[in-house]
Amino acid sequence: MSELVRIIAASLVDHPDSVEVREIEGSQSVIIELKVAPEDMGKVIGKQGRIAKAIRTVVKAAATKENKRVVVEIVQ
């Protein structure tokens, strides 16, 4: 899952080298933290959060195949 988020985020930003993805395994779910350069934050979130919502939707669809619950958080 984290590799999927990394590929999507790297394709959206101007500085793909600064994309960091951390996966935190919980008892019932997986949290994926996405961190990008401050100037790329708007590109990952999008207008009214549309791109962030789309990233979450794609990851949730992929996680459903593996019967997991995944939460994507965009951190600064």
PDB file of N, CA and C in Angstrom:
ATOM      1  N   MET A   1       0.801  -1.192   0.000  1.00  0.00           N
ATOM      2  CA  MET A   1       0.000   0.000   0.000  1.00  0.00           C
ATOM      3  C   MET A   1       0.852   1.267   0.000  1.00  0.00           C
ATOM      4  N   SER A   2       1.898   1.275   0.805  1.00  0.00           N
ATOM      5  CA  SER A   2       2.714   2.487   0.902  1.00  0.00           C
ATOM      6  C   SER A   2       3.412   2.797  -0.427  1.00  0.00           C
ATOM      7  N   GLU A   3       3.772   1.766  -1.155  1.00  0.00           N
ATOM      8  CA  GLU A   3       4.418   1.991  -2.463  1.00  0.00           C
ATOM      9  C   GLU A   3       3.439   2.629  -3.445  1.00  0.00           C
ATOM     10  N   LEU A   4       2.181   2.235  -3.383  1.00  0.00           N
ATOM     11  CA  LEU A   4       1.149   2.828  -4.226  1.00  0.00           C
ATOM     12  C   LEU A   4       1.010   4.313  -3.927  1.00  0.00           C
ATOM     13  N   VAL A   5       0.975   4.675  -2.663  1.00  0.00           N
ATOM     14  CA  VAL A   5       0.870   6.083  -2.268  1.00  0.00           C
ATOM     15  C   VAL A   5       2.106   6.849  -2.722  1.00  0.00           C
ATOM     16  N   ARG A   6       3.279   6.243  -2.586  1.00  0.00           N
ATOM     17  CA  ARG A   6       4.525   6.896  -3.005  1.00  0.00           C
ATOM     18  C   ARG A   6       4.514   7.188  -4.510  1.00  0.00           C
ATOM     19  N   ILE A   7       4.075   6.238  -5.313  1.00  0.00           N
ATOM     20  CA  ILE A   7       4.049   6.412  -6.768  1.00  0.00           C
ATOM     21  C   ILE A   7       3.066   7.509  -7.167  1.00  0.00           C
ATOM     22  N   ILE A   8       1.887   7.505  -6.566  1.00  0.00           N
ATOM     23  CA  ILE A   8       0.877   8.517  -6.890  1.00  0.00           C
ATOM     24  C   ILE A   8       1.376   9.903  -6.502  1.00  0.00           C
ATOM     25  N   ALA A   9       1.899  10.037  -5.282  1.00  0.00           N
ATOM     26  CA  ALA A   9       2.353  11.346  -4.803  1.00  0.00           C
ATOM     27  C   ALA A   9       3.541  11.852  -5.615  1.00  0.00           C
ATOM     28  N   ALA A  10       4.474  10.974  -5.944  1.00  0.00           N
ATOM     29  CA  ALA A  10       5.660  11.396  -6.699  1.00  0.00           C
ATOM     30  C   ALA A  10       5.285  11.896  -8.091  1.00  0.00           C
ATOM     31  N   SER A  11       4.222  11.348  -8.653  1.00  0.00           N
ATOM     32  CA  SER A  11       3.810  11.783  -9.987  1.00  0.00           C
ATOM     33  C   SER A  11       3.090  13.131  -9.946  1.00  0.00           C
ATOM     34  N   LEU A  12       2.626  13.547  -8.782  1.00  0.00           N
ATOM     35  CA  LEU A  12       1.888  14.807  -8.667  1.00  0.00           C
ATOM     36  C   LEU A  12       2.770  16.008  -8.341  1.00  0.00           C
ATOM     37  N   VAL A  13       3.865  15.802  -7.636  1.00  0.00           N
ATOM     38  CA  VAL A  13       4.648  16.915  -7.078  1.00  0.00           C
ATOM     39  C   VAL A  13       5.807  17.331  -7.977  1.00  0.00           C
ATOM     40  N   ASP A  14       6.364  18.512  -7.670  1.00  0.00           N
ATOM     41  CA  ASP A  14       7.531  19.019  -8.399  1.00  0.00           C
ATOM     42  C   ASP A  14       8.827  18.420  -7.871  1.00  0.00           C
ATOM     43  N   HIS A  15       8.839  18.006  -6.591  1.00  0.00           N
ATOM     44  CA  HIS A  15      10.035  17.453  -5.958  1.00  0.00           C
ATOM     45  C   HIS A  15       9.766  16.009  -5.518  1.00  0.00           C
ATOM     46  N   PRO A  16       9.802  15.067  -6.450  1.00  0.00           N
ATOM     47  CA  PRO A  16       9.479  13.674  -6.089  1.00  0.00           C
ATOM     48  C   PRO A  16      10.479  13.045  -5.124  1.00  0.00           C
ATOM     49  N   ASP A  17      11.686  13.601  -5.041  1.00  0.00           N
ATOM     50  CA  ASP A  17      12.684  13.055  -4.121  1.00  0.00           C
ATOM     51  C   ASP A  17      12.326  13.322  -2.659  1.00  0.00           C
ATOM     52  N   SER A  18      11.509  14.337  -2.416  1.00  0.00           N
ATOM     53  CA  SER A  18      11.164  14.687  -1.045  1.00  0.00           C
ATOM     54  C   SER A  18       9.912  13.963  -0.538  1.00  0.00           C
ATOM     55  N   VAL A  19       9.344  13.087  -1.335  1.00  0.00           N
ATOM     56  CA  VAL A  19       8.151  12.345  -0.909  1.00  0.00           C
ATOM     57  C   VAL A  19       8.568  11.262   0.080  1.00  0.00           C
ATOM     58  N   GLU A  20       7.944  11.293   1.256  1.00  0.00           N
ATOM     59  CA  GLU A  20       8.209  10.284   2.287  1.00  0.00           C
ATOM     60  C   GLU A  20       6.891   9.609   2.657  1.00  0.00           C
ATOM     61  N   VAL A  21       6.917   8.280   2.716  1.00  0.00           N
ATOM     62  CA  VAL A  21       5.726   7.527   3.095  1.00  0.00           C
ATOM     63  C   VAL A  21       6.100   6.591   4.237  1.00  0.00           C
ATOM     64  N   ARG A  22       5.303   6.648   5.302  1.00  0.00           N
ATOM     65  CA  ARG A  22       5.538   5.792   6.464  1.00  0.00           C
ATOM     66  C   ARG A  22       4.285   4.977   6.737  1.00  0.00           C
ATOM     67  N   GLU A  23       4.462   3.704   6.946  1.00  0.00           N
ATOM     68  CA  GLU A  23       3.332   2.818   7.193  1.00  0.00           C
ATOM     69  C   GLU A  23       3.347   2.379   8.656  1.00  0.00           C
ATOM     70  N   ILE A  24       2.240   2.603   9.337  1.00  0.00           N
ATOM     71  CA  ILE A  24       2.117   2.246  10.751  1.00  0.00           C
ATOM     72  C   ILE A  24       1.034   1.181  10.873  1.00  0.00           C
ATOM     73  N   GLU A  25       1.436  -0.009  11.305  1.00  0.00           N
ATOM     74  CA  GLU A  25       0.499  -1.125  11.451  1.00  0.00           C
ATOM     75  C   GLU A  25      -0.183  -1.043  12.809  1.00  0.00           C
ATOM     76  N   GLY A  26      -1.499  -1.032  12.798  1.00  0.00           N
ATOM     77  CA  GLY A  26      -2.260  -1.071  14.031  1.00  0.00           C
ATOM     78  C   GLY A  26      -2.893  -2.441  14.192  1.00  0.00           C
ATOM     79  N   SER A  27      -3.666  -2.604  15.236  1.00  0.00           N
ATOM     80  CA  SER A  27      -4.300  -3.902  15.473  1.00  0.00           C
ATOM     81  C   SER A  27      -5.414  -4.174  14.468  1.00  0.00           C
ATOM     82  N   GLN A  28      -6.147  -3.118  14.073  1.00  0.00           N
ATOM     83  CA  GLN A  28      -7.260  -3.316  13.155  1.00  0.00           C
ATOM     84  C   GLN A  28      -7.095  -2.591  11.832  1.00  0.00           C
ATOM     85  N   SER A  29      -6.137  -1.676  11.759  1.00  0.00           N
ATOM     86  CA  SER A  29      -5.985  -0.904  10.532  1.00  0.00           C
ATOM     87  C   SER A  29      -4.523  -0.549  10.293  1.00  0.00           C
ATOM     88  N   VAL A  30      -4.276  -0.002   9.117  1.00  0.00           N
ATOM     89  CA  VAL A  30      -2.942   0.459   8.733  1.00  0.00           C
ATOM     90  C   VAL A  30      -3.046   1.957   8.462  1.00  0.00           C
ATOM     91  N   ILE A  31      -2.136   2.725   9.048  1.00  0.00           N
ATOM     92  CA  ILE A  31      -2.095   4.165   8.807  1.00  0.00           C
ATOM     93  C   ILE A  31      -0.905   4.447   7.904  1.00  0.00           C
ATOM     94  N   ILE A  32      -1.154   5.144   6.823  1.00  0.00           N
ATOM     95  CA  ILE A  32      -0.087   5.528   5.896  1.00  0.00           C
ATOM     96  C   ILE A  32       0.062   7.038   5.983  1.00  0.00           C
ATOM     97  N   GLU A  33       1.248   7.483   6.407  1.00  0.00           N
ATOM     98  CA  GLU A  33       1.535   8.908   6.515  1.00  0.00           C
ATOM     99  C   GLU A  33       2.306   9.356   5.285  1.00  0.00           C
ATOM    100  N   LEU A  34       1.810  10.376   4.630  1.00  0.00           N
ATOM    101  CA  LEU A  34       2.435  10.931   3.433  1.00  0.00           C
ATOM    102  C   LEU A  34       2.984  12.297   3.772  1.00  0.00           C
ATOM    103  N   LYS A  35       4.262  12.495   3.479  1.00  0.00           N
ATOM    104  CA  LYS A  35       4.916  13.774   3.737  1.00  0.00           C
ATOM    105  C   LYS A  35       5.583  14.237   2.452  1.00  0.00           C
ATOM    106  N   VAL A  36       5.320  15.483   2.048  1.00  0.00           N
ATOM    107  CA  VAL A  36       5.915  16.054   0.841  1.00  0.00           C
ATOM    108  C   VAL A  36       6.539  17.397   1.194  1.00  0.00           C
ATOM    109  N   ALA A  37       7.254  17.977   0.249  1.00  0.00           N
ATOM    110  CA  ALA A  37       7.853  19.294   0.456  1.00  0.00           C
ATOM    111  C   ALA A  37       6.740  20.318   0.688  1.00  0.00           C
ATOM    112  N   PRO A  38       6.990  21.322   1.530  1.00  0.00           N
ATOM    113  CA  PRO A  38       5.937  22.314   1.841  1.00  0.00           C
ATOM    114  C   PRO A  38       5.334  22.978   0.603  1.00  0.00           C
ATOM    115  N   GLU A  39       6.148  23.250  -0.405  1.00  0.00           N
ATOM    116  CA  GLU A  39       5.616  23.908  -1.607  1.00  0.00           C
ATOM    117  C   GLU A  39       4.774  22.962  -2.470  1.00  0.00           C
ATOM    118  N   ASP A  40       4.870  21.661  -2.229  1.00  0.00           N
ATOM    119  CA  ASP A  40       4.082  20.676  -2.973  1.00  0.00           C
ATOM    120  C   ASP A  40       2.807  20.260  -2.245  1.00  0.00           C
ATOM    121  N   MET A  41       2.600  20.781  -1.061  1.00  0.00           N
ATOM    122  CA  MET A  41       1.447  20.367  -0.253  1.00  0.00           C
ATOM    123  C   MET A  41       0.127  20.625  -0.978  1.00  0.00           C
ATOM    124  N   GLY A  42       0.002  21.762  -1.615  1.00  0.00           N
ATOM    125  CA  GLY A  42      -1.224  22.102  -2.335  1.00  0.00           C
ATOM    126  C   GLY A  42      -1.520  21.168  -3.494  1.00  0.00           C
ATOM    127  N   LYS A  43      -0.469  20.678  -4.131  1.00  0.00           N
ATOM    128  CA  LYS A  43      -0.658  19.765  -5.258  1.00  0.00           C
ATOM    129  C   LYS A  43      -1.165  18.406  -4.815  1.00  0.00           C
ATOM    130  N   VAL A  44      -0.781  17.988  -3.625  1.00  0.00           N
ATOM    131  CA  VAL A  44      -1.213  16.690  -3.108  1.00  0.00           C
ATOM    132  C   VAL A  44      -2.638  16.772  -2.541  1.00  0.00           C
ATOM    133  N   ILE A  45      -2.975  17.926  -1.967  1.00  0.00           N
ATOM    134  CA  ILE A  45      -4.305  18.089  -1.383  1.00  0.00           C
ATOM    135  C   ILE A  45      -5.323  18.461  -2.464  1.00  0.00           C
ATOM    136  N   GLY A  46      -4.971  19.375  -3.335  1.00  0.00           N
ATOM    137  CA  GLY A  46      -5.880  19.778  -4.408  1.00  0.00           C
ATOM    138  C   GLY A  46      -6.931  20.761  -3.936  1.00  0.00           C
ATOM    139  N   LYS A  47      -7.698  21.270  -4.887  1.00  0.00           N
ATOM    140  CA  LYS A  47      -8.756  22.216  -4.553  1.00  0.00           C
ATOM    141  C   LYS A  47      -9.840  21.503  -3.765  1.00  0.00           C
ATOM    142  N   GLN A  48     -10.156  22.068  -2.613  1.00  0.00           N
ATOM    143  CA  GLN A  48     -11.170  21.530  -1.703  1.00  0.00           C
ATOM    144  C   GLN A  48     -10.890  20.075  -1.326  1.00  0.00           C
ATOM    145  N   GLY A  49      -9.611  19.671  -1.386  1.00  0.00           N
ATOM    146  CA  GLY A  49      -9.225  18.328  -0.955  1.00  0.00           C
ATOM    147  C   GLY A  49      -9.576  17.222  -1.926  1.00  0.00           C
ATOM    148  N   ARG A  50      -9.839  17.561  -3.161  1.00  0.00           N
ATOM    149  CA  ARG A  50     -10.274  16.548  -4.140  1.00  0.00           C
ATOM    150  C   ARG A  50      -9.199  15.524  -4.460  1.00  0.00           C
ATOM    151  N   ILE A  51      -7.961  15.963  -4.612  1.00  0.00           N
ATOM    152  CA  ILE A  51      -6.890  15.017  -4.945  1.00  0.00           C
ATOM    153  C   ILE A  51      -6.599  14.116  -3.757  1.00  0.00           C
ATOM    154  N   ALA A  52      -6.590  14.676  -2.549  1.00  0.00           N
ATOM    155  CA  ALA A  52      -6.373  13.870  -1.347  1.00  0.00           C
ATOM    156  C   ALA A  52      -7.476  12.823  -1.215  1.00  0.00           C
ATOM    157  N   LYS A  53      -8.699  13.218  -1.497  1.00  0.00           N
ATOM    158  CA  LYS A  53      -9.824  12.283  -1.420  1.00  0.00           C
ATOM    159  C   LYS A  53      -9.676  11.182  -2.465  1.00  0.00           C
ATOM    160  N   ALA A  54      -9.208  11.547  -3.656  1.00  0.00           N
ATOM    161  CA  ALA A  54      -9.009  10.553  -4.711  1.00  0.00           C
ATOM    162  C   ALA A  54      -7.909   9.559  -4.340  1.00  0.00           C
ATOM    163  N   ILE A  55      -6.834  10.052  -3.737  1.00  0.00           N
ATOM    164  CA  ILE A  55      -5.756   9.159  -3.289  1.00  0.00           C
ATOM    165  C   ILE A  55      -6.295   8.185  -2.256  1.00  0.00           C
ATOM    166  N   ARG A  56      -7.066   8.696  -1.307  1.00  0.00           N
ATOM    167  CA  ARG A  56      -7.648   7.827  -0.273  1.00  0.00           C
ATOM    168  C   ARG A  56      -8.583   6.786  -0.878  1.00  0.00           C
ATOM    169  N   THR A  57      -9.354   7.173  -1.879  1.00  0.00           N
ATOM    170  CA  THR A  57     -10.286   6.247  -2.524  1.00  0.00           C
ATOM    171  C   THR A  57      -9.543   5.118  -3.227  1.00  0.00           C
ATOM    172  N   VAL A  58      -8.482   5.451  -3.945  1.00  0.00           N
ATOM    173  CA  VAL A  58      -7.696   4.433  -4.652  1.00  0.00           C
ATOM    174  C   VAL A  58      -7.053   3.469  -3.661  1.00  0.00           C
ATOM    175  N   VAL A  59      -6.503   4.000  -2.581  1.00  0.00           N
ATOM    176  CA  VAL A  59      -5.840   3.153  -1.583  1.00  0.00           C
ATOM    177  C   VAL A  59      -6.858   2.258  -0.873  1.00  0.00           C
ATOM    178  N   LYS A  60      -8.030   2.803  -0.558  1.00  0.00           N
ATOM    179  CA  LYS A  60      -9.067   1.990   0.085  1.00  0.00           C
ATOM    180  C   LYS A  60      -9.533   0.862  -0.834  1.00  0.00           C
ATOM    181  N   ALA A  61      -9.632   1.153  -2.125  1.00  0.00           N
ATOM    182  CA  ALA A  61     -10.027   0.114  -3.081  1.00  0.00           C
ATOM    183  C   ALA A  61      -8.985  -0.991  -3.143  1.00  0.00           C
ATOM    184  N   ALA A  62      -7.720  -0.616  -3.137  1.00  0.00           N
ATOM    185  CA  ALA A  62      -6.648  -1.619  -3.149  1.00  0.00           C
ATOM    186  C   ALA A  62      -6.624  -2.400  -1.842  1.00  0.00           C
ATOM    187  N   ALA A  63      -6.914  -1.733  -0.736  1.00  0.00           N
ATOM    188  CA  ALA A  63      -6.898  -2.394   0.567  1.00  0.00           C
ATOM    189  C   ALA A  63      -8.060  -3.366   0.721  1.00  0.00           C
ATOM    190  N   THR A  64      -9.165  -3.084   0.061  1.00  0.00           N
ATOM    191  CA  THR A  64     -10.323  -3.969   0.136  1.00  0.00           C
ATOM    192  C   THR A  64     -10.001  -5.343  -0.418  1.00  0.00           C
ATOM    193  N   LYS A  65      -9.167  -5.391  -1.439  1.00  0.00           N
ATOM    194  CA  LYS A  65      -8.758  -6.678  -2.009  1.00  0.00           C
ATOM    195  C   LYS A  65      -8.010  -7.526  -0.988  1.00  0.00           C
ATOM    196  N   GLU A  66      -7.292  -6.861  -0.084  1.00  0.00           N
ATOM    197  CA  GLU A  66      -6.503  -7.566   0.927  1.00  0.00           C
ATOM    198  C   GLU A  66      -7.226  -7.642   2.277  1.00  0.00           C
ATOM    199  N   ASN A  67      -8.491  -7.243   2.312  1.00  0.00           N
ATOM    200  CA  ASN A  67      -9.297  -7.246   3.534  1.00  0.00           C
ATOM    201  C   ASN A  67      -8.636  -6.464   4.669  1.00  0.00           C
ATOM    202  N   LYS A  68      -8.140  -5.280   4.344  1.00  0.00           N
ATOM    203  CA  LYS A  68      -7.517  -4.412   5.339  1.00  0.00           C
ATOM    204  C   LYS A  68      -8.241  -3.076   5.358  1.00  0.00           C
ATOM    205  N   ARG A  69      -8.106  -2.364   6.469  1.00  0.00           N
ATOM    206  CA  ARG A  69      -8.619  -1.008   6.573  1.00  0.00           C
ATOM    207  C   ARG A  69      -7.423  -0.078   6.587  1.00  0.00           C
ATOM    208  N   VAL A  70      -7.389   0.844   5.628  1.00  0.00           N
ATOM    209  CA  VAL A  70      -6.230   1.724   5.475  1.00  0.00           C
ATOM    210  C   VAL A  70      -6.688   3.182   5.596  1.00  0.00           C
ATOM    211  N   VAL A  71      -5.911   3.953   6.347  1.00  0.00           N
ATOM    212  CA  VAL A  71      -6.151   5.380   6.500  1.00  0.00           C
ATOM    213  C   VAL A  71      -4.931   6.122   5.952  1.00  0.00           C
ATOM    214  N   VAL A  72      -5.154   7.073   5.052  1.00  0.00           N
ATOM    215  CA  VAL A  72      -4.051   7.875   4.506  1.00  0.00           C
ATOM    216  C   VAL A  72      -4.098   9.248   5.155  1.00  0.00           C
ATOM    217  N   GLU A  73      -2.996   9.639   5.782  1.00  0.00           N
ATOM    218  CA  GLU A  73      -2.881  10.956   6.403  1.00  0.00           C
ATOM    219  C   GLU A  73      -1.781  11.734   5.708  1.00  0.00           C
ATOM    220  N   ILE A  74      -2.069  12.987   5.406  1.00  0.00           N
ATOM    221  CA  ILE A  74      -1.069  13.859   4.809  1.00  0.00           C
ATOM    222  C   ILE A  74      -0.546  14.746   5.927  1.00  0.00           C
ATOM    223  N   VAL A  75       0.743  14.607   6.243  1.00  0.00           N
ATOM    224  CA  VAL A  75       1.340  15.328   7.362  1.00  0.00           C
ATOM    225  C   VAL A  75       2.350  16.353   6.859  1.00  0.00           C
ATOM    226  N   GLN A  76       2.585  17.363   7.704  1.00  0.00           N
ATOM    227  CA  GLN A  76       3.555  18.386   7.332  1.00  0.00           C
ATOM    228  C   GLN A  76       4.881  18.143   7.970  1.00  0.00           C
TER     229      GLN A  76
END
